[in-house]
Amino acid sequence: MMEQDLHGKRLDDLDPGDLVKSCKYIEMGSCFSLEGIRPCVHGTIHSRVLVTAEEIRTGAATYDMVVQRRKNLFAALNGLADGLTDPCATCAHLKQVKYKDVNFEYVGGEPLPAGLNIQHYTECNQRCSYCDYAQKDRMFKVQYNMLGYLDLFRKVGKLRGNNWIDFSGGEPAIFPEFPTILRYLLDNKMGTVVVYSNALLFSQTIYDALKENRIILVTSLDTGMASSYKKLRGGSFFPKVIRNLIRYRNSGTKQLWLKYVVTELNRTEDDLWSFVLAMLALRPDRLLICPDFPYTAPEVPAETTKFVARLWYILEKLTGITPLDYVSEFGDPLWLKYHASLKQALDEVYQKKPLGDECKIEKLAFPPPAFAPSPLHRRVIAAKRRVWGSDLRKRILPVGSAGEARARQAWRRTFGRLFSE
């Protein structure tokens, strides 16, 4: 399509067939950031705040306000009104479409990567070297009630499912409202929920959802060595994280994803090979590779791109899993340059075949779990699930309540020692 001159027009003057620039994230996305609601956050790129945290806290935010502010940004991007447009104006997600296909009325409806993005708190139990919040000591509690915002759309029938929801933060496992928000997302059939947890604290909520394949768990492991993990994460947490990942793996889930964030600290052969061996042991369902976000640099370092390509190649050869590029949907020019550089680096490493053809593994055959539950064990666990999933239990011990937490703890300290799941 050729770009159409909209000079002299206002938003209300547009015809259905007019060619305009729009973005699905502006139309239906909602990133819950510390400052308020943004259309999106993609790595280093944060779109503008449309509704502030203060407006949500005070109840000033309304459905009509949200829709109008989306329209205001759209109008500015198309030269129909004055307004700030960075960083949206240079993003690859801004597409030319017919005005009749633009709709600002809904939250959700399409599986946009991080189309719903939950990070309105940053409290965490680790201090990662590559986390901007941790390094700047910006560890904040929840800033507003995000469910109240979603209810603005639900009450007028404009809250849709089929979304890709990133639940990060912060660390969800230490977030008191995590069970309540997760239940809301699942009960309202909002879509695929991806929980980003460092796995330092075992979460029964995460375990139960994994067991039923109702969420995807993503954990950044970043190495297979305890010494490197300590440098990356600010503490001697590696053994506990591995122990909890094994527990999550043993839930029987098909939704355990592990991730490698490539930084200057873990771009070594020891980190690479230890991670590969850890993946062979933990048997994740998917693998993600992500470069450290260059918050203050103009581009991703070439050394990182080459390391990502080599790690990608070796993981695919030895585990049989083709990794996913975590930043593949980031549309800012910085990330578009990285996408092109990574493609070139992957082409080069696959042409060189550093491991040779003989290392190709079509499919890994893993041994069965060492633990085979007895008939009594299965009956006890089945009874526990029936009781725990009953309406009576939910009335007596509501999800996320202190009573529920005490009951779970009592089980783990008594019968749970003999009849673990």
Protein backbone atom coordinates (compact mmCIF):
# COMPACT_ATOMS: atom_id res chain seq x y z
CA MET A 1 0.00 0.00 0.00
CA MET A 2 1.13 3.56 -0.75
CA GLU A 3 1.15 6.00 2.15
CA GLN A 4 -1.88 8.28 2.08
CA ASP A 5 -1.71 12.01 2.76
CA LEU A 6 -4.07 12.76 5.65
CA HIS A 7 -3.07 16.44 5.87
CA GLY A 8 -5.90 18.64 7.06
CA LYS A 9 -8.00 15.77 8.40
CA ARG A 10 -8.97 15.09 11.98
CA LEU A 11 -9.73 11.73 13.55
CA ASP A 12 -13.46 12.21 13.13
CA ASP A 13 -12.98 13.03 9.42
CA LEU A 14 -11.39 9.68 8.50
CA ASP A 15 -13.19 7.46 6.01
CA PRO A 16 -13.27 3.65 6.40
CA GLY A 17 -11.03 3.21 3.37
CA ASP A 18 -8.38 5.74 4.43
CA LEU A 19 -4.90 4.28 4.85
CA VAL A 20 -3.54 4.91 8.35
CA LYS A 21 -0.68 3.77 10.57
CA SER A 22 -1.76 1.66 13.50
CA CYS A 23 -0.45 -0.95 15.92
CA LYS A 24 -2.25 -3.84 17.57
CA TYR A 25 -0.52 -3.06 20.86
CA ILE A 26 -1.98 0.46 20.83
CA GLU A 27 -5.39 -0.89 19.86
CA MET A 28 -5.69 -3.74 22.39
CA GLY A 29 -2.47 -4.20 24.39
CA SER A 30 -1.96 -3.40 28.06
CA CYS A 31 1.40 -3.48 29.83
CA PHE A 32 1.02 -3.02 33.58
CA SER A 33 4.20 -1.10 34.42
CA LEU A 34 5.19 0.66 37.62
CA GLU A 35 4.15 4.02 36.17
CA GLY A 36 0.80 2.86 34.80
CA ILE A 37 -0.67 1.27 31.68
CA ARG A 38 1.40 1.32 28.50
CA PRO A 39 0.48 -0.25 25.15
CA CYS A 40 3.63 -2.40 25.35
CA VAL A 41 7.10 -2.92 26.77
CA HIS A 42 9.61 -4.73 24.57
CA GLY A 43 12.94 -5.04 26.33
CA THR A 44 14.61 -1.64 26.39
CA ILE A 45 11.66 0.01 24.63
CA HIS A 46 8.80 1.33 26.77
CA SER A 47 5.86 2.89 24.97
CA ARG A 48 4.20 5.92 26.52
CA VAL A 49 2.02 5.70 29.62
CA LEU A 50 -1.64 6.07 28.61
CA VAL A 51 -3.17 5.77 32.09
CA THR A 52 -1.12 6.60 35.18
CA ALA A 53 -0.81 4.47 38.29
CA GLU A 54 -2.31 7.37 40.28
CA GLU A 55 -5.40 7.47 38.04
CA ILE A 56 -5.96 3.76 38.63
CA ARG A 57 -5.33 4.00 42.40
CA THR A 58 -7.79 6.88 42.83
CA GLY A 59 -10.49 5.40 40.62
CA ALA A 60 -10.19 8.23 38.09
CA ALA A 61 -9.50 5.79 35.25
CA THR A 62 -12.56 4.84 33.19
CA TYR A 63 -13.19 2.70 30.15
CA ASP A 64 -13.92 5.77 28.00
CA MET A 65 -10.69 7.42 29.20
CA VAL A 66 -8.57 4.44 28.12
CA VAL A 67 -10.19 4.28 24.69
CA GLN A 68 -9.78 8.03 24.16
CA ARG A 69 -6.10 7.98 25.11
CA ARG A 70 -5.46 5.17 22.66
CA LYS A 71 -7.14 7.30 20.00
CA ASN A 72 -5.04 10.32 20.97
CA LEU A 73 -1.79 8.40 20.43
CA PHE A 74 -3.10 7.01 17.13
CA ALA A 75 -4.07 10.52 15.98
CA ALA A 76 -0.61 11.90 16.81
CA LEU A 77 1.12 9.06 14.93
CA ASN A 78 -0.95 9.86 11.83
CA GLY A 79 -0.46 13.63 12.00
CA LEU A 80 -4.13 14.19 12.86
CA ALA A 81 -3.34 15.89 16.18
CA ASP A 82 -0.41 17.14 18.20
CA GLY A 83 1.24 14.77 20.65
CA LEU A 84 4.39 12.84 21.52
CA THR A 85 4.94 9.72 19.40
CA ASP A 86 8.31 8.27 20.46
CA PRO A 87 9.18 5.41 20.54
CA CYS A 88 6.14 4.15 18.60
CA ALA A 89 6.88 6.19 15.46
CA THR A 90 9.97 4.14 14.58
CA CYS A 91 8.68 0.70 15.67
CA ALA A 92 8.19 -2.10 13.14
CA HIS A 93 4.85 -2.97 14.76
CA LEU A 94 3.38 0.24 13.35
CA LYS A 95 1.66 -0.96 10.17
CA GLN A 96 -0.31 0.66 7.38
CA VAL A 97 -3.92 -0.53 7.40
CA LYS A 98 -7.35 0.69 6.40
CA TYR A 99 -9.09 2.76 9.05
CA LYS A 100 -12.09 0.42 9.03
CA ASP A 101 -9.82 -2.30 10.47
CA VAL A 102 -8.74 -0.20 13.47
CA ASN A 103 -10.51 -0.77 16.81
CA PHE A 104 -9.62 0.69 20.21
CA GLU A 105 -12.54 -0.77 22.20
CA TYR A 106 -11.04 -3.99 23.59
CA VAL A 107 -8.36 -5.37 25.84
CA GLY A 108 -6.94 -8.46 24.19
CA GLY A 109 -8.26 -10.73 21.51
CA GLU A 110 -5.04 -11.76 19.76
CA PRO A 111 -1.97 -13.66 21.02
CA LEU A 112 0.41 -10.71 20.69
CA PRO A 113 3.74 -11.49 22.39
CA ALA A 114 3.45 -9.76 25.78
CA GLY A 115 0.16 -8.25 24.64
CA LEU A 116 -0.75 -8.34 28.32
CA ASN A 117 2.36 -7.79 30.41
CA ILE A 118 2.23 -7.83 34.23
CA GLN A 119 5.10 -5.96 35.86
CA HIS A 120 3.46 -3.35 38.12
CA TYR A 121 5.74 -4.43 40.99
CA THR A 122 9.49 -5.15 41.03
CA GLU A 123 10.06 -6.82 44.42
CA CYS A 124 12.38 -9.78 43.98
CA ASN A 125 14.40 -12.25 46.05
CA GLN A 126 17.44 -12.06 43.76
CA ARG A 127 19.63 -9.21 42.52
CA CYS A 128 20.50 -10.13 38.96
CA SER A 129 23.47 -8.39 37.38
CA TYR A 130 21.52 -7.81 34.16
CA CYS A 131 18.33 -6.50 35.80
CA ASP A 132 18.03 -2.73 35.54
CA TYR A 133 15.65 -2.57 38.50
CA ALA A 134 17.96 -4.60 40.74
CA GLN A 135 21.09 -2.66 39.81
CA LYS A 136 19.35 0.67 40.44
CA ASP A 137 17.74 -0.64 43.66
CA ARG A 138 14.24 0.02 42.34
CA MET A 139 12.48 -2.78 44.22
CA PHE A 140 8.87 -1.63 44.60
CA LYS A 141 5.73 -3.25 45.93
CA VAL A 142 2.59 -3.43 43.77
CA GLN A 143 1.60 0.05 42.58
CA TYR A 144 -2.12 -0.40 41.82
CA ASN A 145 -4.92 -2.91 41.35
CA MET A 146 -4.51 -4.25 37.83
CA LEU A 147 -7.68 -6.36 38.11
CA GLY A 148 -9.65 -3.15 38.60
CA TYR A 149 -8.33 -1.95 35.24
CA LEU A 150 -9.29 -5.20 33.50
CA ASP A 151 -12.73 -4.98 35.08
CA LEU A 152 -13.29 -1.65 33.31
CA PHE A 153 -13.37 -3.69 30.09
CA ARG A 154 -15.01 -6.81 31.49
CA LYS A 155 -18.04 -4.89 32.78
CA VAL A 156 -18.81 -3.51 29.31
CA GLY A 157 -18.15 -6.84 27.55
CA LYS A 158 -14.86 -5.69 26.03
CA LEU A 159 -12.44 -8.07 27.76
CA ARG A 160 -11.37 -10.77 25.29
CA GLY A 161 -9.38 -13.98 25.52
CA ASN A 162 -6.83 -15.58 23.19
CA ASN A 163 -4.02 -13.46 24.65
CA TRP A 164 -0.36 -14.11 25.34
CA ILE A 165 0.11 -12.95 28.93
CA ASP A 166 3.56 -12.41 30.44
CA PHE A 167 3.40 -12.49 34.26
CA SER A 168 6.78 -11.30 35.44
CA GLY A 169 7.53 -8.42 37.78
CA GLY A 170 9.42 -8.77 40.13
CA GLU A 171 9.22 -12.35 41.29
CA PRO A 172 5.68 -13.81 41.16
CA ALA A 173 6.39 -16.47 43.82
CA ILE A 174 6.85 -13.78 46.53
CA PHE A 175 4.02 -11.55 45.24
CA PRO A 176 1.06 -11.90 47.66
CA GLU A 177 -1.54 -11.22 44.97
CA PHE A 178 -0.10 -13.74 42.51
CA PRO A 179 -2.61 -16.58 43.23
CA THR A 180 -5.57 -14.18 43.01
CA ILE A 181 -4.47 -12.60 39.73
CA LEU A 182 -3.60 -15.97 38.20
CA ARG A 183 -7.03 -17.33 39.16
CA TYR A 184 -8.70 -14.28 37.56
CA LEU A 185 -6.78 -14.78 34.31
CA LEU A 186 -7.59 -18.49 34.19
CA ASP A 187 -11.24 -18.18 35.27
CA ASN A 188 -11.86 -15.50 32.63
CA LYS A 189 -10.15 -17.63 29.97
CA MET A 190 -7.79 -14.78 29.14
CA GLY A 191 -5.38 -16.94 27.15
CA THR A 192 -1.89 -18.37 27.53
CA VAL A 193 -0.32 -17.33 30.84
CA VAL A 194 3.50 -17.33 30.96
CA VAL A 195 4.89 -17.05 34.49
CA TYR A 196 8.48 -15.82 34.78
CA SER A 197 9.90 -17.14 38.06
CA ASN A 198 13.51 -17.56 39.15
CA ALA A 199 12.47 -20.76 41.03
CA LEU A 200 14.38 -19.79 44.16
CA LEU A 201 11.16 -20.10 46.18
CA PHE A 202 9.01 -23.16 45.45
CA SER A 203 5.44 -22.09 44.70
CA GLN A 204 2.60 -24.55 45.17
CA THR A 205 0.43 -22.27 43.01
CA ILE A 206 2.91 -22.60 40.15
CA TYR A 207 3.25 -26.36 40.70
CA ASP A 208 -0.50 -26.97 40.66
CA ALA A 209 -0.99 -24.89 37.51
CA LEU A 210 1.95 -26.63 35.81
CA LYS A 211 0.57 -30.05 36.72
CA GLU A 212 -2.63 -29.21 34.86
CA ASN A 213 -0.69 -27.52 32.01
CA ARG A 214 -2.60 -24.29 32.66
CA ILE A 215 0.50 -22.07 32.59
CA ILE A 216 3.95 -21.96 31.03
CA LEU A 217 6.81 -21.53 33.48
CA VAL A 218 9.90 -19.69 32.21
CA THR A 219 13.01 -19.72 34.40
CA SER A 220 16.26 -18.03 33.42
CA LEU A 221 19.06 -20.36 34.46
CA ASP A 222 21.79 -18.72 32.35
CA THR A 223 24.52 -21.26 33.19
CA GLY A 224 25.05 -24.72 34.59
CA MET A 225 27.69 -23.67 37.14
CA ALA A 226 27.02 -22.55 40.70
CA SER A 227 29.95 -20.11 40.65
CA SER A 228 28.65 -18.30 37.56
CA TYR A 229 25.11 -18.31 38.91
CA LYS A 230 26.31 -16.58 42.08
CA LYS A 231 27.99 -13.83 40.03
CA LEU A 232 24.90 -13.39 37.88
CA ARG A 233 22.30 -13.52 40.67
CA GLY A 234 24.01 -12.09 43.72
CA GLY A 235 23.82 -15.14 45.97
CA SER A 236 24.53 -18.86 46.43
CA PHE A 237 21.11 -19.91 45.15
CA PHE A 238 21.98 -22.44 42.45
CA PRO A 239 21.40 -25.72 44.36
CA LYS A 240 17.99 -24.60 45.61
CA VAL A 241 16.93 -23.39 42.16
CA ILE A 242 17.91 -26.73 40.58
CA ARG A 243 16.06 -28.60 43.32
CA ASN A 244 12.88 -26.61 42.69
CA LEU A 245 13.15 -26.98 38.92
CA ILE A 246 13.34 -30.75 39.39
CA ARG A 247 10.16 -30.57 41.50
CA TYR A 248 8.42 -28.58 38.78
CA ARG A 249 9.72 -31.01 36.13
CA ASN A 250 8.33 -33.93 38.12
CA SER A 251 4.85 -32.42 38.06
CA GLY A 252 4.53 -34.06 34.65
CA THR A 253 3.99 -30.72 32.94
CA LYS A 254 4.59 -30.13 29.25
CA GLN A 255 5.11 -26.42 29.86
CA LEU A 256 8.54 -26.01 31.50
CA TRP A 257 10.67 -23.54 29.52
CA LEU A 258 14.24 -22.62 30.46
CA LYS A 259 16.15 -19.56 29.36
CA TYR A 260 19.71 -18.34 28.89
CA VAL A 261 20.31 -14.59 29.18
CA VAL A 262 23.69 -13.94 27.56
CA THR A 263 25.86 -11.35 29.32
CA GLU A 264 29.55 -10.53 29.54
CA LEU A 265 29.73 -12.71 32.67
CA ASN A 266 28.48 -15.96 31.09
CA ARG A 267 29.81 -15.80 27.53
CA THR A 268 32.29 -18.61 28.22
CA GLU A 269 32.72 -22.16 27.00
CA ASP A 270 32.34 -23.48 30.57
CA ASP A 271 28.99 -21.73 30.98
CA LEU A 272 27.82 -22.90 27.57
CA TRP A 273 28.67 -26.56 28.03
CA SER A 274 27.50 -26.72 31.64
CA PHE A 275 24.16 -25.27 30.53
CA VAL A 276 23.84 -27.84 27.73
CA LEU A 277 24.46 -30.68 30.19
CA ALA A 278 21.95 -29.18 32.63
CA MET A 279 19.34 -29.13 29.86
CA LEU A 280 19.97 -32.80 29.14
CA ALA A 281 19.28 -33.48 32.83
CA LEU A 282 16.30 -31.17 33.38
CA ARG A 283 14.61 -31.95 30.03
CA PRO A 284 12.78 -28.63 29.45
CA ASP A 285 9.98 -28.53 26.90
CA ARG A 286 11.32 -25.39 25.22
CA LEU A 287 14.50 -23.33 25.34
CA LEU A 288 14.80 -19.54 25.08
CA ILE A 289 17.93 -17.50 24.37
CA CYS A 290 18.02 -13.77 25.11
CA PRO A 291 20.82 -11.20 24.86
CA ASP A 292 21.35 -8.91 27.82
CA PHE A 293 19.27 -5.80 27.13
CA PRO A 294 21.59 -2.92 26.07
CA TYR A 295 19.91 -0.19 28.14
CA THR A 296 22.72 2.32 27.61
CA ALA A 297 24.37 0.95 24.45
CA PRO A 298 23.31 1.55 20.83
CA GLU A 299 23.35 -2.14 19.92
CA VAL A 300 23.81 -5.70 21.15
CA PRO A 301 27.57 -6.52 21.27
CA ALA A 302 28.85 -8.62 18.36
CA GLU A 303 30.42 -11.04 20.86
CA THR A 304 27.00 -11.72 22.33
CA THR A 305 25.46 -12.37 18.92
CA LYS A 306 28.18 -14.87 18.04
CA PHE A 307 27.82 -16.63 21.40
CA VAL A 308 24.04 -16.86 20.98
CA ALA A 309 24.50 -18.47 17.56
CA ARG A 310 27.00 -21.03 18.90
CA LEU A 311 24.82 -21.84 21.93
CA TRP A 312 21.78 -22.17 19.66
CA TYR A 313 23.60 -24.60 17.35
CA ILE A 314 24.94 -26.82 20.15
CA LEU A 315 21.62 -26.94 21.99
CA GLU A 316 19.77 -27.95 18.85
CA LYS A 317 22.35 -30.60 17.97
CA LEU A 318 22.66 -32.18 21.40
CA THR A 319 19.20 -31.78 22.93
CA GLY A 320 17.10 -32.00 19.79
CA ILE A 321 15.30 -28.78 20.81
CA THR A 322 15.37 -25.77 18.50
CA PRO A 323 15.71 -22.69 20.73
CA LEU A 324 13.45 -19.67 20.51
CA ASP A 325 14.75 -16.12 20.16
CA TYR A 326 13.22 -14.31 23.14
CA VAL A 327 13.42 -10.91 21.42
CA SER A 328 12.16 -12.04 18.00
CA GLU A 329 9.04 -9.83 18.20
CA PHE A 330 10.80 -6.67 19.42
CA GLY A 331 10.23 -4.04 16.72
CA ASP A 332 12.58 -1.18 17.60
CA PRO A 333 15.43 -0.49 15.09
CA LEU A 334 18.01 -1.66 17.68
CA TRP A 335 16.36 -5.07 17.81
CA LEU A 336 15.78 -5.27 14.06
CA LYS A 337 19.54 -4.88 13.62
CA TYR A 338 20.14 -7.67 16.14
CA HIS A 339 17.69 -9.97 14.33
CA ALA A 340 19.61 -9.50 11.07
CA SER A 341 22.99 -10.02 12.77
CA LEU A 342 21.78 -13.18 14.53
CA LYS A 343 20.47 -14.66 11.29
CA GLN A 344 23.86 -14.10 9.66
CA ALA A 345 25.71 -15.57 12.66
CA LEU A 346 23.45 -18.65 12.68
CA ASP A 347 24.00 -19.18 8.95
CA GLU A 348 27.76 -19.06 9.48
CA VAL A 349 27.86 -21.49 12.42
CA TYR A 350 25.58 -24.00 10.70
CA GLN A 351 27.78 -23.89 7.60
CA LYS A 352 30.91 -24.54 9.67
CA LYS A 353 29.27 -27.45 11.60
CA PRO A 354 31.67 -27.22 14.56
CA LEU A 355 30.32 -30.49 16.03
CA GLY A 356 30.10 -32.39 12.77
CA ASP A 357 27.15 -34.34 11.40
CA GLU A 358 27.76 -37.31 13.68
CA CYS A 359 26.55 -35.35 16.69
CA LYS A 360 23.04 -34.89 15.36
CA ILE A 361 20.46 -36.42 17.70
CA GLU A 362 17.01 -36.87 16.19
CA LYS A 363 15.20 -37.61 19.44
CA LEU A 364 16.33 -38.11 23.00
CA ALA A 365 15.07 -41.16 24.89
CA PHE A 366 14.81 -40.33 28.58
CA PRO A 367 14.49 -43.02 31.27
CA PRO A 368 11.24 -43.24 33.21
CA PRO A 369 11.06 -41.47 36.59
CA ALA A 370 12.82 -43.39 39.35
CA PHE A 371 9.81 -43.05 41.64
CA ALA A 372 6.81 -45.27 40.90
CA PRO A 373 3.89 -44.40 43.24
CA SER A 374 2.14 -47.22 45.07
CA PRO A 375 -1.66 -47.77 44.87
CA LEU A 376 -2.01 -46.29 48.38
CA HIS A 377 0.04 -43.25 47.37
CA ARG A 378 -2.16 -42.68 44.31
CA ARG A 379 -5.36 -42.97 46.38
CA VAL A 380 -4.14 -40.48 49.00
CA ILE A 381 -3.09 -37.95 46.37
CA ALA A 382 -6.38 -38.36 44.49
CA ALA A 383 -8.33 -37.74 47.72
CA LYS A 384 -6.21 -34.69 48.49
CA ARG A 385 -6.89 -33.22 45.04
CA ARG A 386 -10.63 -33.79 45.39
CA VAL A 387 -10.72 -32.05 48.75
CA TRP A 388 -8.47 -29.22 47.65
CA GLY A 389 -10.46 -28.59 44.47
CA SER A 390 -13.87 -28.65 46.18
CA ASP A 391 -16.14 -25.63 46.51
CA LEU A 392 -16.30 -26.21 50.27
CA ARG A 393 -12.53 -25.84 50.61
CA LYS A 394 -12.60 -22.67 48.52
CA ARG A 395 -15.23 -21.15 50.82
CA ILE A 396 -13.42 -22.13 54.02
CA LEU A 397 -9.89 -21.45 52.74
CA PRO A 398 -10.12 -18.89 49.88
CA VAL A 399 -7.35 -18.89 47.28
CA GLY A 400 -4.51 -16.65 48.40
CA SER A 401 -5.72 -16.39 52.01
CA ALA A 402 -3.52 -16.82 55.08
CA GLY A 403 -5.59 -19.87 56.03
CA GLU A 404 -4.86 -21.51 52.69
CA ALA A 405 -1.12 -20.89 53.16
CA ARG A 406 -1.19 -22.43 56.66
CA ALA A 407 -3.11 -25.47 55.41
CA ARG A 408 -0.59 -26.06 52.60
CA GLN A 409 2.28 -25.73 55.05
CA ALA A 410 0.64 -28.18 57.48
CA TRP A 411 0.21 -30.74 54.69
CA ARG A 412 3.84 -30.44 53.59
CA ARG A 413 5.07 -30.90 57.17
CA THR A 414 2.92 -33.97 57.87
CA PHE A 415 1.36 -36.22 55.23
CA GLY A 416 3.16 -34.39 52.42
CA ARG A 417 6.46 -35.87 53.61
CA LEU A 418 5.10 -39.36 52.94
CA PHE A 419 2.82 -38.64 49.98
CA SER A 420 4.57 -36.02 47.85
CA GLU A 421 3.43 -35.20 44.32
